[in-house]
């Protein structure tokens, strides 16, 4: 099903290089490539003179140095964080200490739901539990500087506290990890929730921006069509799960093997967690059933 989405995996840049990617927007790539971060985290500098830094990235000395060099002679007024995964947020404290900019985000890291009895959080290592913003943003809040206004857009799903930011008057939206050109987003319970993720996709589809700058990878162009394809992809994934459940009770490893054909072994855990997110959503909607709460080790069947 991945071939239904016109992924773009061409990002010809090097870590630390400052590139202008839109009017009034500069990008600096962090040196943290990997199976979930692609070529690394994209940090953005918005404005000139009195600027905002969006997604400061990992607390990496080389990235911090490159970022501070990029804004040398300017005032950092705002440090915006789309969500509290460590590859996006952990450099915020160091940048605040060096620049006196204020850290703005939806809030500290939190899960979309409580842990079930006996369950551990499989994505705990990626969470920035120490993160505390100086000011909490709500849906629709505006962050302003000379020549720019950024509108906070609540987009939970990948994490419960995920925000996107629209650059007003510029047809540009910073989509964090919610919509990326290189890959679909991992939705991993308990931190993420598929119902929230789908609702956030619908929310972005209703907006007018056509150009997205994501947290990893190249820009998303013709964004409304791209979001439509993401929604169709998730609906098709759900339909595939339901077709498999029609054949009888099954577990998550069997579903991953049947649905994610040819998947990189490094991504099997992520696929299992996203499958769990789909199953949680199906159980909530009364389409699927399991004994007790939906968990990775559970067995699932169609509801009757």
C-alpha atoms as a PDB file:
ATOM      1  CA  UNK A   1       0.000   0.000   0.000  1.00  0.00           C
ATOM      2  CA  UNK A   2       2.951   2.353   0.469  1.00  0.00           C
ATOM      3  CA  UNK A   3       3.176   2.836  -3.304  1.00  0.00           C
ATOM      4  CA  UNK A   4      -0.184   4.649  -3.177  1.00  0.00           C
ATOM      5  CA  UNK A   5       1.624   7.582  -1.549  1.00  0.00           C
ATOM      6  CA  UNK A   6       4.116   9.500  -3.757  1.00  0.00           C
ATOM      7  CA  UNK A   7       6.901   9.556  -1.179  1.00  0.00           C
ATOM      8  CA  UNK A   8       9.848  11.877  -1.740  1.00  0.00           C
ATOM      9  CA  UNK A   9      13.072  10.558  -0.196  1.00  0.00           C
ATOM     10  CA  UNK A  10      15.447  13.060  -1.800  1.00  0.00           C
ATOM     11  CA  UNK A  11      16.965  15.453   0.711  1.00  0.00           C
ATOM     12  CA  UNK A  12      20.288  16.558  -0.717  1.00  0.00           C
ATOM     13  CA  UNK A  13      21.764  18.432   2.205  1.00  0.00           C
ATOM     14  CA  UNK A  14      24.362  17.899   4.909  1.00  0.00           C
ATOM     15  CA  UNK A  15      24.044  18.292   8.681  1.00  0.00           C
ATOM     16  CA  UNK A  16      24.853  21.807   9.854  1.00  0.00           C
ATOM     17  CA  UNK A  17      24.286  23.460   6.470  1.00  0.00           C
ATOM     18  CA  UNK A  18      21.960  26.485   6.579  1.00  0.00           C
ATOM     19  CA  UNK A  19      19.501  26.475   3.689  1.00  0.00           C
ATOM     20  CA  UNK A  20      16.683  28.875   2.830  1.00  0.00           C
ATOM     21  CA  UNK A  21      13.661  26.644   2.144  1.00  0.00           C
ATOM     22  CA  UNK A  22      10.898  29.285   1.991  1.00  0.00           C
ATOM     23  CA  UNK A  23      10.697  33.082   2.233  1.00  0.00           C
ATOM     24  CA  UNK A  24      11.857  33.975   5.737  1.00  0.00           C
ATOM     25  CA  UNK A  25      12.573  30.332   6.659  1.00  0.00           C
ATOM     26  CA  UNK A  26      15.967  28.645   7.072  1.00  0.00           C
ATOM     27  CA  UNK A  27      16.574  24.917   7.709  1.00  0.00           C
ATOM     28  CA  UNK A  28      19.456  23.261   9.568  1.00  0.00           C
ATOM     29  CA  UNK A  29      19.643  19.453   9.511  1.00  0.00           C
ATOM     30  CA  UNK A  30      20.681  17.663  12.705  1.00  0.00           C
ATOM     31  CA  UNK A  31      23.258  14.824  12.504  1.00  0.00           C
ATOM     32  CA  UNK A  32      20.905  12.113  13.789  1.00  0.00           C
ATOM     33  CA  UNK A  33      19.964   9.889  10.819  1.00  0.00           C
ATOM     34  CA  UNK A  34      18.162   6.624  11.461  1.00  0.00           C
ATOM     35  CA  UNK A  35      15.229   4.394  10.471  1.00  0.00           C
ATOM     36  CA  UNK A  36      12.753   6.715  12.237  1.00  0.00           C
ATOM     37  CA  UNK A  37      14.484  10.070  11.644  1.00  0.00           C
ATOM     38  CA  UNK A  38      15.449   9.548   7.968  1.00  0.00           C
ATOM     39  CA  UNK A  39      18.431  11.876   7.314  1.00  0.00           C
ATOM     40  CA  UNK A  40      17.961  13.671  10.651  1.00  0.00           C
ATOM     41  CA  UNK A  41      15.734  16.195  12.387  1.00  0.00           C
ATOM     42  CA  UNK A  42      14.955  19.408  10.512  1.00  0.00           C
ATOM     43  CA  UNK A  43      15.309  22.523  12.662  1.00  0.00           C
ATOM     44  CA  UNK A  44      13.833  25.713  11.243  1.00  0.00           C
ATOM     45  CA  UNK A  45      14.693  29.372  11.849  1.00  0.00           C
ATOM     46  CA  UNK A  46      11.791  31.706  11.064  1.00  0.00           C
ATOM     47  CA  UNK A  47      12.173  35.428  10.524  1.00  0.00           C
ATOM     48  CA  UNK A  48      15.141  37.770  10.405  1.00  0.00           C
ATOM     49  CA  UNK A  49      16.755  39.728  13.235  1.00  0.00           C
ATOM     50  CA  UNK A  50      14.329  38.660  15.957  1.00  0.00           C
ATOM     51  CA  UNK A  51      13.681  35.023  15.129  1.00  0.00           C
ATOM     52  CA  UNK A  52      11.871  31.879  16.186  1.00  0.00           C
ATOM     53  CA  UNK A  53      13.581  28.476  16.235  1.00  0.00           C
ATOM     54  CA  UNK A  54      11.188  25.593  15.571  1.00  0.00           C
ATOM     55  CA  UNK A  55      12.049  22.052  16.696  1.00  0.00           C
ATOM     56  CA  UNK A  56      15.535  22.682  18.124  1.00  0.00           C
ATOM     57  CA  UNK A  57      16.300  18.975  17.713  1.00  0.00           C
ATOM     58  CA  UNK A  58      18.534  16.615  19.700  1.00  0.00           C
ATOM     59  CA  UNK A  59      20.948  17.827  22.372  1.00  0.00           C
ATOM     60  CA  UNK A  60      23.942  17.269  20.112  1.00  0.00           C
ATOM     61  CA  UNK A  61      26.999  19.583  20.423  1.00  0.00           C
ATOM     62  CA  UNK A  62      27.571  19.800  16.660  1.00  0.00           C
ATOM     63  CA  UNK A  63      23.934  20.631  15.953  1.00  0.00           C
ATOM     64  CA  UNK A  64      23.805  23.186  18.759  1.00  0.00           C
ATOM     65  CA  UNK A  65      26.940  24.876  17.443  1.00  0.00           C
ATOM     66  CA  UNK A  66      25.596  24.985  13.864  1.00  0.00           C
ATOM     67  CA  UNK A  67      22.273  26.379  15.045  1.00  0.00           C
ATOM     68  CA  UNK A  68      23.844  29.099  17.184  1.00  0.00           C
ATOM     69  CA  UNK A  69      26.150  30.038  14.285  1.00  0.00           C
ATOM     70  CA  UNK A  70      23.093  30.332  12.018  1.00  0.00           C
ATOM     71  CA  UNK A  71      21.484  32.935  14.298  1.00  0.00           C
ATOM     72  CA  UNK A  72      24.663  34.769  15.327  1.00  0.00           C
ATOM     73  CA  UNK A  73      23.953  38.485  15.566  1.00  0.00           C
ATOM     74  CA  UNK A  74      20.196  37.862  15.825  1.00  0.00           C
ATOM     75  CA  UNK A  75      17.868  37.647  18.816  1.00  0.00           C
ATOM     76  CA  UNK A  76      16.130  34.327  19.466  1.00  0.00           C
ATOM     77  CA  UNK A  77      12.738  35.295  20.875  1.00  0.00           C
ATOM     78  CA  UNK A  78      10.877  31.985  20.639  1.00  0.00           C
ATOM     79  CA  UNK A  79      11.869  28.302  20.736  1.00  0.00           C
ATOM     80  CA  UNK A  80       8.916  26.294  19.433  1.00  0.00           C
ATOM     81  CA  UNK A  81       8.541  22.527  19.862  1.00  0.00           C
ATOM     82  CA  UNK A  82       6.074  20.480  17.813  1.00  0.00           C
ATOM     83  CA  UNK A  83       6.203  17.533  20.232  1.00  0.00           C
ATOM     84  CA  UNK A  84       8.306  16.032  22.992  1.00  0.00           C
ATOM     85  CA  UNK A  85      10.202  13.216  21.322  1.00  0.00           C
ATOM     86  CA  UNK A  86      13.872  13.503  22.153  1.00  0.00           C
ATOM     87  CA  UNK A  87      14.969  14.040  18.559  1.00  0.00           C
ATOM     88  CA  UNK A  88      12.883  17.252  18.466  1.00  0.00           C
ATOM     89  CA  UNK A  89      12.948  18.803  21.920  1.00  0.00           C
ATOM     90  CA  UNK A  90      16.054  18.022  23.984  1.00  0.00           C
ATOM     91  CA  UNK A  91      18.166  20.894  22.586  1.00  0.00           C
ATOM     92  CA  UNK A  92      15.570  23.419  23.761  1.00  0.00           C
ATOM     93  CA  UNK A  93      17.127  23.903  27.204  1.00  0.00           C
ATOM     94  CA  UNK A  94      20.633  24.490  25.835  1.00  0.00           C
ATOM     95  CA  UNK A  95      19.369  26.992  23.274  1.00  0.00           C
ATOM     96  CA  UNK A  96      17.299  28.784  25.914  1.00  0.00           C
ATOM     97  CA  UNK A  97      20.367  28.997  28.155  1.00  0.00           C
ATOM     98  CA  UNK A  98      22.470  30.436  25.321  1.00  0.00           C
ATOM     99  CA  UNK A  99      19.902  32.856  23.909  1.00  0.00           C
ATOM    100  CA  UNK A 100      17.301  33.600  26.623  1.00  0.00           C
ATOM    101  CA  UNK A 101      14.541  32.693  24.165  1.00  0.00           C
ATOM    102  CA  UNK A 102      11.272  31.366  25.613  1.00  0.00           C
ATOM    103  CA  UNK A 103      10.367  27.712  25.056  1.00  0.00           C
ATOM    104  CA  UNK A 104       6.810  27.306  23.749  1.00  0.00           C
ATOM    105  CA  UNK A 105       4.945  24.010  23.320  1.00  0.00           C
ATOM    106  CA  UNK A 106       1.610  22.363  24.050  1.00  0.00           C
ATOM    107  CA  UNK A 107       2.966  21.067  27.342  1.00  0.00           C
ATOM    108  CA  UNK A 108       5.132  18.387  28.959  1.00  0.00           C
ATOM    109  CA  UNK A 109       5.217  14.894  27.506  1.00  0.00           C
ATOM    110  CA  UNK A 110       2.163  12.801  28.276  1.00  0.00           C
ATOM    111  CA  UNK A 111       0.584   9.635  26.974  1.00  0.00           C
ATOM    112  CA  UNK A 112      -2.671   9.526  25.026  1.00  0.00           C
ATOM    113  CA  UNK A 113      -3.995   7.000  27.561  1.00  0.00           C
ATOM    114  CA  UNK A 114      -2.926   5.409  30.870  1.00  0.00           C
ATOM    115  CA  UNK A 115      -0.914   2.209  30.837  1.00  0.00           C
ATOM    116  CA  UNK A 116      -2.999  -0.951  31.125  1.00  0.00           C
ATOM    117  CA  UNK A 117      -2.353  -3.326  34.006  1.00  0.00           C
ATOM    118  CA  UNK A 118       0.984  -5.088  33.466  1.00  0.00           C
ATOM    119  CA  UNK A 119       1.785  -3.012  30.364  1.00  0.00           C
ATOM    120  CA  UNK A 120       5.070  -1.173  29.869  1.00  0.00           C
ATOM    121  CA  UNK A 121       5.576   1.780  27.546  1.00  0.00           C
ATOM    122  CA  UNK A 122       7.491   0.425  24.519  1.00  0.00           C
ATOM    123  CA  UNK A 123       8.431   3.920  23.293  1.00  0.00           C
ATOM    124  CA  UNK A 124       9.472   5.341  26.664  1.00  0.00           C
ATOM    125  CA  UNK A 125      13.099   5.772  25.574  1.00  0.00           C
ATOM    126  CA  UNK A 126      12.074   8.291  22.926  1.00  0.00           C
ATOM    127  CA  UNK A 127      10.072  10.498  25.286  1.00  0.00           C
ATOM    128  CA  UNK A 128      11.557  13.719  26.662  1.00  0.00           C
ATOM    129  CA  UNK A 129      10.199  13.414  30.203  1.00  0.00           C
ATOM    130  CA  UNK A 130      12.324  16.330  31.444  1.00  0.00           C
ATOM    131  CA  UNK A 131      10.782  18.842  29.030  1.00  0.00           C
ATOM    132  CA  UNK A 132       8.960  21.798  30.576  1.00  0.00           C
ATOM    133  CA  UNK A 133       7.935  24.747  28.389  1.00  0.00           C
ATOM    134  CA  UNK A 134       8.107  28.320  29.596  1.00  0.00           C
ATOM    135  CA  UNK A 135       4.684  28.920  28.099  1.00  0.00           C
ATOM    136  CA  UNK A 136       1.990  26.455  27.013  1.00  0.00           C
ATOM    137  CA  UNK A 137       0.332  26.914  23.632  1.00  0.00           C
ATOM    138  CA  UNK A 138      -3.262  26.083  22.826  1.00  0.00           C
ATOM    139  CA  UNK A 139      -4.962  25.455  19.511  1.00  0.00           C
ATOM    140  CA  UNK A 140      -5.201  28.754  17.635  1.00  0.00           C
ATOM    141  CA  UNK A 141      -2.625  30.645  19.700  1.00  0.00           C
ATOM    142  CA  UNK A 142      -0.413  33.022  17.717  1.00  0.00           C
ATOM    143  CA  UNK A 143       3.337  33.519  18.130  1.00  0.00           C
ATOM    144  CA  UNK A 144       4.534  36.733  16.498  1.00  0.00           C
ATOM    145  CA  UNK A 145       7.804  38.302  15.453  1.00  0.00           C
ATOM    146  CA  UNK A 146       8.900  40.908  12.918  1.00  0.00           C
ATOM    147  CA  UNK A 147       7.488  39.770   9.578  1.00  0.00           C
ATOM    148  CA  UNK A 148       5.901  36.509  10.761  1.00  0.00           C
ATOM    149  CA  UNK A 149       2.928  35.129  12.672  1.00  0.00           C
ATOM    150  CA  UNK A 150       2.839  31.436  13.552  1.00  0.00           C
ATOM    151  CA  UNK A 151      -0.503  29.848  14.417  1.00  0.00           C
ATOM    152  CA  UNK A 152      -0.434  26.802  16.711  1.00  0.00           C
ATOM    153  CA  UNK A 153      -2.601  23.929  15.462  1.00  0.00           C
ATOM    154  CA  UNK A 154      -3.325  21.032  17.823  1.00  0.00           C
ATOM    155  CA  UNK A 155      -2.632  17.813  15.904  1.00  0.00           C
ATOM    156  CA  UNK A 156      -2.532  14.953  18.433  1.00  0.00           C
ATOM    157  CA  UNK A 157      -1.999  11.416  17.204  1.00  0.00           C
ATOM    158  CA  UNK A 158       1.739  10.823  16.812  1.00  0.00           C
ATOM    159  CA  UNK A 159       1.953  12.127  20.388  1.00  0.00           C
ATOM    160  CA  UNK A 160      -0.792  13.536  22.579  1.00  0.00           C
ATOM    161  CA  UNK A 161       0.874  16.967  22.677  1.00  0.00           C
ATOM    162  CA  UNK A 162       1.721  17.324  18.982  1.00  0.00           C
ATOM    163  CA  UNK A 163       1.357  20.778  17.396  1.00  0.00           C
ATOM    164  CA  UNK A 164       1.687  21.966  13.823  1.00  0.00           C
ATOM    165  CA  UNK A 165       2.367  25.634  13.073  1.00  0.00           C
ATOM    166  CA  UNK A 166       0.955  27.611  10.150  1.00  0.00           C
ATOM    167  CA  UNK A 167       2.990  30.551   8.857  1.00  0.00           C
ATOM    168  CA  UNK A 168       0.173  32.991   8.224  1.00  0.00           C
ATOM    169  CA  UNK A 169       0.094  34.656   4.836  1.00  0.00           C
ATOM    170  CA  UNK A 170       2.770  32.342   3.427  1.00  0.00           C
ATOM    171  CA  UNK A 171       0.871  29.174   2.353  1.00  0.00           C
ATOM    172  CA  UNK A 172       3.303  27.270   4.595  1.00  0.00           C
ATOM    173  CA  UNK A 173       2.732  24.882   7.494  1.00  0.00           C
ATOM    174  CA  UNK A 174       5.312  23.229   9.769  1.00  0.00           C
ATOM    175  CA  UNK A 175       3.886  19.712  10.143  1.00  0.00           C
ATOM    176  CA  UNK A 176       6.319  18.141  12.631  1.00  0.00           C
ATOM    177  CA  UNK A 177       6.042  14.354  12.500  1.00  0.00           C
ATOM    178  CA  UNK A 178       2.325  14.348  11.673  1.00  0.00           C
ATOM    179  CA  UNK A 179       2.741  14.569   7.883  1.00  0.00           C
ATOM    180  CA  UNK A 180       6.114  13.910   6.228  1.00  0.00           C
ATOM    181  CA  UNK A 181       7.079  13.465   2.582  1.00  0.00           C
ATOM    182  CA  UNK A 182       9.455  10.536   3.127  1.00  0.00           C
ATOM    183  CA  UNK A 183       7.276   8.196   5.211  1.00  0.00           C
ATOM    184  CA  UNK A 184       4.054   7.767   7.107  1.00  0.00           C
ATOM    185  CA  UNK A 185       4.101   8.665  10.789  1.00  0.00           C
ATOM    186  CA  UNK A 186       4.432   6.031  13.499  1.00  0.00           C
ATOM    187  CA  UNK A 187       1.403   6.002  15.812  1.00  0.00           C
ATOM    188  CA  UNK A 188       2.548   4.064  18.879  1.00  0.00           C
ATOM    189  CA  UNK A 189       0.303   3.524  21.924  1.00  0.00           C
ATOM    190  CA  UNK A 190       0.183   4.569  24.672  1.00  0.00           C
ATOM    191  CA  UNK A 191       1.877   7.824  23.556  1.00  0.00           C
ATOM    192  CA  UNK A 192      -0.063   8.005  20.285  1.00  0.00           C
ATOM    193  CA  UNK A 193      -3.655   7.244  19.320  1.00  0.00           C
ATOM    194  CA  UNK A 194      -5.015   6.357  15.875  1.00  0.00           C
ATOM    195  CA  UNK A 195      -8.389   8.030  16.391  1.00  0.00           C
ATOM    196  CA  UNK A 196      -6.644  11.293  17.287  1.00  0.00           C
ATOM    197  CA  UNK A 197      -4.242  10.916  14.379  1.00  0.00           C
ATOM    198  CA  UNK A 198      -7.022  10.471  11.825  1.00  0.00           C
ATOM    199  CA  UNK A 199      -8.984  13.413  13.247  1.00  0.00           C
ATOM    200  CA  UNK A 200      -5.859  15.583  12.994  1.00  0.00           C
ATOM    201  CA  UNK A 201      -5.352  14.547   9.362  1.00  0.00           C
ATOM    202  CA  UNK A 202      -8.931  15.601   8.627  1.00  0.00           C
ATOM    203  CA  UNK A 203      -8.264  18.894  10.401  1.00  0.00           C
ATOM    204  CA  UNK A 204      -5.228  19.614   8.216  1.00  0.00           C
ATOM    205  CA  UNK A 205      -7.100  18.537   5.073  1.00  0.00           C
ATOM    206  CA  UNK A 206      -9.652  21.276   5.758  1.00  0.00           C
ATOM    207  CA  UNK A 207      -6.936  23.954   5.783  1.00  0.00           C
ATOM    208  CA  UNK A 208      -5.670  25.901   2.785  1.00  0.00           C
ATOM    209  CA  UNK A 209      -1.863  25.468   3.062  1.00  0.00           C
ATOM    210  CA  UNK A 210      -0.307  23.572   0.155  1.00  0.00           C
ATOM    211  CA  UNK A 211       3.355  23.529   1.296  1.00  0.00           C
ATOM    212  CA  UNK A 212       4.458  21.680   4.452  1.00  0.00           C
ATOM    213  CA  UNK A 213       7.866  21.736   6.109  1.00  0.00           C
ATOM    214  CA  UNK A 214       8.087  18.536   8.193  1.00  0.00           C
ATOM    215  CA  UNK A 215      10.253  17.409  11.082  1.00  0.00           C
ATOM    216  CA  UNK A 216      12.208  15.005   8.849  1.00  0.00           C
ATOM    217  CA  UNK A 217      12.853  14.865   5.131  1.00  0.00           C
ATOM    218  CA  UNK A 218      12.044  17.195   2.253  1.00  0.00           C
ATOM    219  CA  UNK A 219       9.023  19.510   1.995  1.00  0.00           C
ATOM    220  CA  UNK A 220       5.553  18.183   1.269  1.00  0.00           C
ATOM    221  CA  UNK A 221       4.241  19.782  -1.909  1.00  0.00           C
ATOM    222  CA  UNK A 222       0.586  19.784  -2.968  1.00  0.00           C
ATOM    223  CA  UNK A 223      -0.168  19.034   0.672  1.00  0.00           C
ATOM    224  CA  UNK A 224      -3.998  18.645   0.449  1.00  0.00           C
ATOM    225  CA  UNK A 225      -3.614  15.791  -2.062  1.00  0.00           C
ATOM    226  CA  UNK A 226      -0.819  14.275   0.029  1.00  0.00           C
ATOM    227  CA  UNK A 227      -2.987  14.351   3.174  1.00  0.00           C
ATOM    228  CA  UNK A 228      -5.842  12.755   1.212  1.00  0.00           C
ATOM    229  CA  UNK A 229      -3.489   9.924   0.315  1.00  0.00           C
ATOM    230  CA  UNK A 230      -2.410   9.523   3.951  1.00  0.00           C
ATOM    231  CA  UNK A 231      -6.058   9.213   4.986  1.00  0.00           C
ATOM    232  CA  UNK A 232      -6.732   6.691   2.221  1.00  0.00           C
ATOM    233  CA  UNK A 233      -3.613   4.737   3.230  1.00  0.00           C
ATOM    234  CA  UNK A 234      -4.737   4.462   6.861  1.00  0.00           C
ATOM    235  CA  UNK A 235      -8.268   3.507   5.815  1.00  0.00           C
ATOM    236  CA  UNK A 236      -6.828   0.807   3.546  1.00  0.00           C
ATOM    237  CA  UNK A 237      -4.634  -0.474   6.401  1.00  0.00           C
ATOM    238  CA  UNK A 238      -7.694  -0.700   8.631  1.00  0.00           C
ATOM    239  CA  UNK A 239      -9.624  -2.540   5.913  1.00  0.00           C
ATOM    240  CA  UNK A 240      -6.744  -5.031   5.558  1.00  0.00           C
ATOM    241  CA  UNK A 241      -6.828  -5.711   9.303  1.00  0.00           C
ATOM    242  CA  UNK A 242     -10.589  -6.279   9.196  1.00  0.00           C
ATOM    243  CA  UNK A 243     -10.248  -8.663   6.231  1.00  0.00           C
ATOM    244  CA  UNK A 244      -7.684 -10.678   8.167  1.00  0.00           C
ATOM    245  CA  UNK A 245      -9.943 -10.750  11.245  1.00  0.00           C
ATOM    246  CA  UNK A 246     -12.781 -12.095   9.061  1.00  0.00           C
ATOM    247  CA  UNK A 247     -10.675 -15.256   8.675  1.00  0.00           C
ATOM    248  CA  UNK A 248     -10.632 -15.805  12.433  1.00  0.00           C
ATOM    249  CA  UNK A 249      -8.991 -14.711  15.656  1.00  0.00           C
ATOM    250  CA  UNK A 250      -5.366 -13.650  15.308  1.00  0.00           C
ATOM    251  CA  UNK A 251      -2.533 -11.774  16.990  1.00  0.00           C
ATOM    252  CA  UNK A 252      -0.469  -8.698  16.095  1.00  0.00           C
ATOM    253  CA  UNK A 253       2.680 -10.525  14.828  1.00  0.00           C
ATOM    254  CA  UNK A 254       0.502 -12.482  12.386  1.00  0.00           C
ATOM    255  CA  UNK A 255      -1.200  -9.285  11.223  1.00  0.00           C
ATOM    256  CA  UNK A 256       2.139  -7.542  10.655  1.00  0.00           C
ATOM    257  CA  UNK A 257       3.459 -10.507   8.669  1.00  0.00           C
ATOM    258  CA  UNK A 258       0.320 -10.617   6.511  1.00  0.00           C
ATOM    259  CA  UNK A 259      -0.044  -6.874   5.895  1.00  0.00           C
ATOM    260  CA  UNK A 260       3.458  -5.348   5.906  1.00  0.00           C
ATOM    261  CA  UNK A 261       4.956  -7.335   3.050  1.00  0.00           C
ATOM    262  CA  UNK A 262       8.689  -6.728   2.524  1.00  0.00           C
ATOM    263  CA  UNK A 263       9.035  -4.410   5.518  1.00  0.00           C
ATOM    264  CA  UNK A 264      12.537  -3.557   6.774  1.00  0.00           C
ATOM    265  CA  UNK A 265      13.162  -5.733   9.854  1.00  0.00           C
ATOM    266  CA  UNK A 266      14.196  -2.622  11.806  1.00  0.00           C
ATOM    267  CA  UNK A 267      10.642  -1.315  11.416  1.00  0.00           C
ATOM    268  CA  UNK A 268       8.727  -4.409  12.546  1.00  0.00           C
ATOM    269  CA  UNK A 269       8.353  -3.072  16.080  1.00  0.00           C
ATOM    270  CA  UNK A 270       6.953   0.198  14.768  1.00  0.00           C
ATOM    271  CA  UNK A 271       4.569  -1.714  12.482  1.00  0.00           C
ATOM    272  CA  UNK A 272       3.361  -3.781  15.450  1.00  0.00           C
ATOM    273  CA  UNK A 273       2.698  -0.628  17.473  1.00  0.00           C
ATOM    274  CA  UNK A 274       0.839   1.052  14.607  1.00  0.00           C
ATOM    275  CA  UNK A 275      -1.220  -2.134  14.165  1.00  0.00           C
ATOM    276  CA  UNK A 276      -2.036  -1.985  17.883  1.00  0.00           C
ATOM    277  CA  UNK A 277      -3.134   1.652  17.391  1.00  0.00           C
ATOM    278  CA  UNK A 278      -5.491   0.552  14.600  1.00  0.00           C
ATOM    279  CA  UNK A 279      -6.846  -2.285  16.760  1.00  0.00           C
ATOM    280  CA  UNK A 280      -7.387   0.045  19.728  1.00  0.00           C
ATOM    281  CA  UNK A 281      -9.405   2.303  17.466  1.00  0.00           C
ATOM    282  CA  UNK A 282     -11.401  -0.611  16.053  1.00  0.00           C
ATOM    283  CA  UNK A 283     -12.167  -1.904  19.573  1.00  0.00           C
ATOM    284  CA  UNK A 284     -13.267   1.586  20.666  1.00  0.00           C
ATOM    285  CA  UNK A 285     -15.613   1.764  17.666  1.00  0.00           C
ATOM    286  CA  UNK A 286     -17.024  -1.713  18.281  1.00  0.00           C
ATOM    287  CA  UNK A 287     -15.582  -3.227  15.088  1.00  0.00           C
ATOM    288  CA  UNK A 288     -13.104  -5.584  16.793  1.00  0.00           C
ATOM    289  CA  UNK A 289     -12.911  -7.335  20.150  1.00  0.00           C
ATOM    290  CA  UNK A 290     -10.285  -8.759  22.491  1.00  0.00           C
ATOM    291  CA  UNK A 291     -10.133 -10.135  26.006  1.00  0.00           C
ATOM    292  CA  UNK A 292      -9.400  -7.276  28.400  1.00  0.00           C
ATOM    293  CA  UNK A 293      -7.688  -4.124  27.166  1.00  0.00           C
ATOM    294  CA  UNK A 294      -6.044  -3.987  23.718  1.00  0.00           C
ATOM    295  CA  UNK A 295      -2.342  -4.808  24.178  1.00  0.00           C
ATOM    296  CA  UNK A 296       0.557  -5.971  21.988  1.00  0.00           C
ATOM    297  CA  UNK A 297       0.249  -9.558  23.244  1.00  0.00           C
ATOM    298  CA  UNK A 298      -3.522  -9.777  22.818  1.00  0.00           C
ATOM    299  CA  UNK A 299      -5.601 -11.826  20.403  1.00  0.00           C
ATOM    300  CA  UNK A 300      -8.213 -10.080  18.286  1.00  0.00           C
ATOM    301  CA  UNK A 301     -11.401 -11.016  16.478  1.00  0.00           C
ATOM    302  CA  UNK A 302     -14.290  -9.306  14.721  1.00  0.00           C
ATOM    303  CA  UNK A 303     -17.092  -8.074  16.952  1.00  0.00           C
ATOM    304  CA  UNK A 304     -20.366  -9.902  16.592  1.00  0.00           C
END
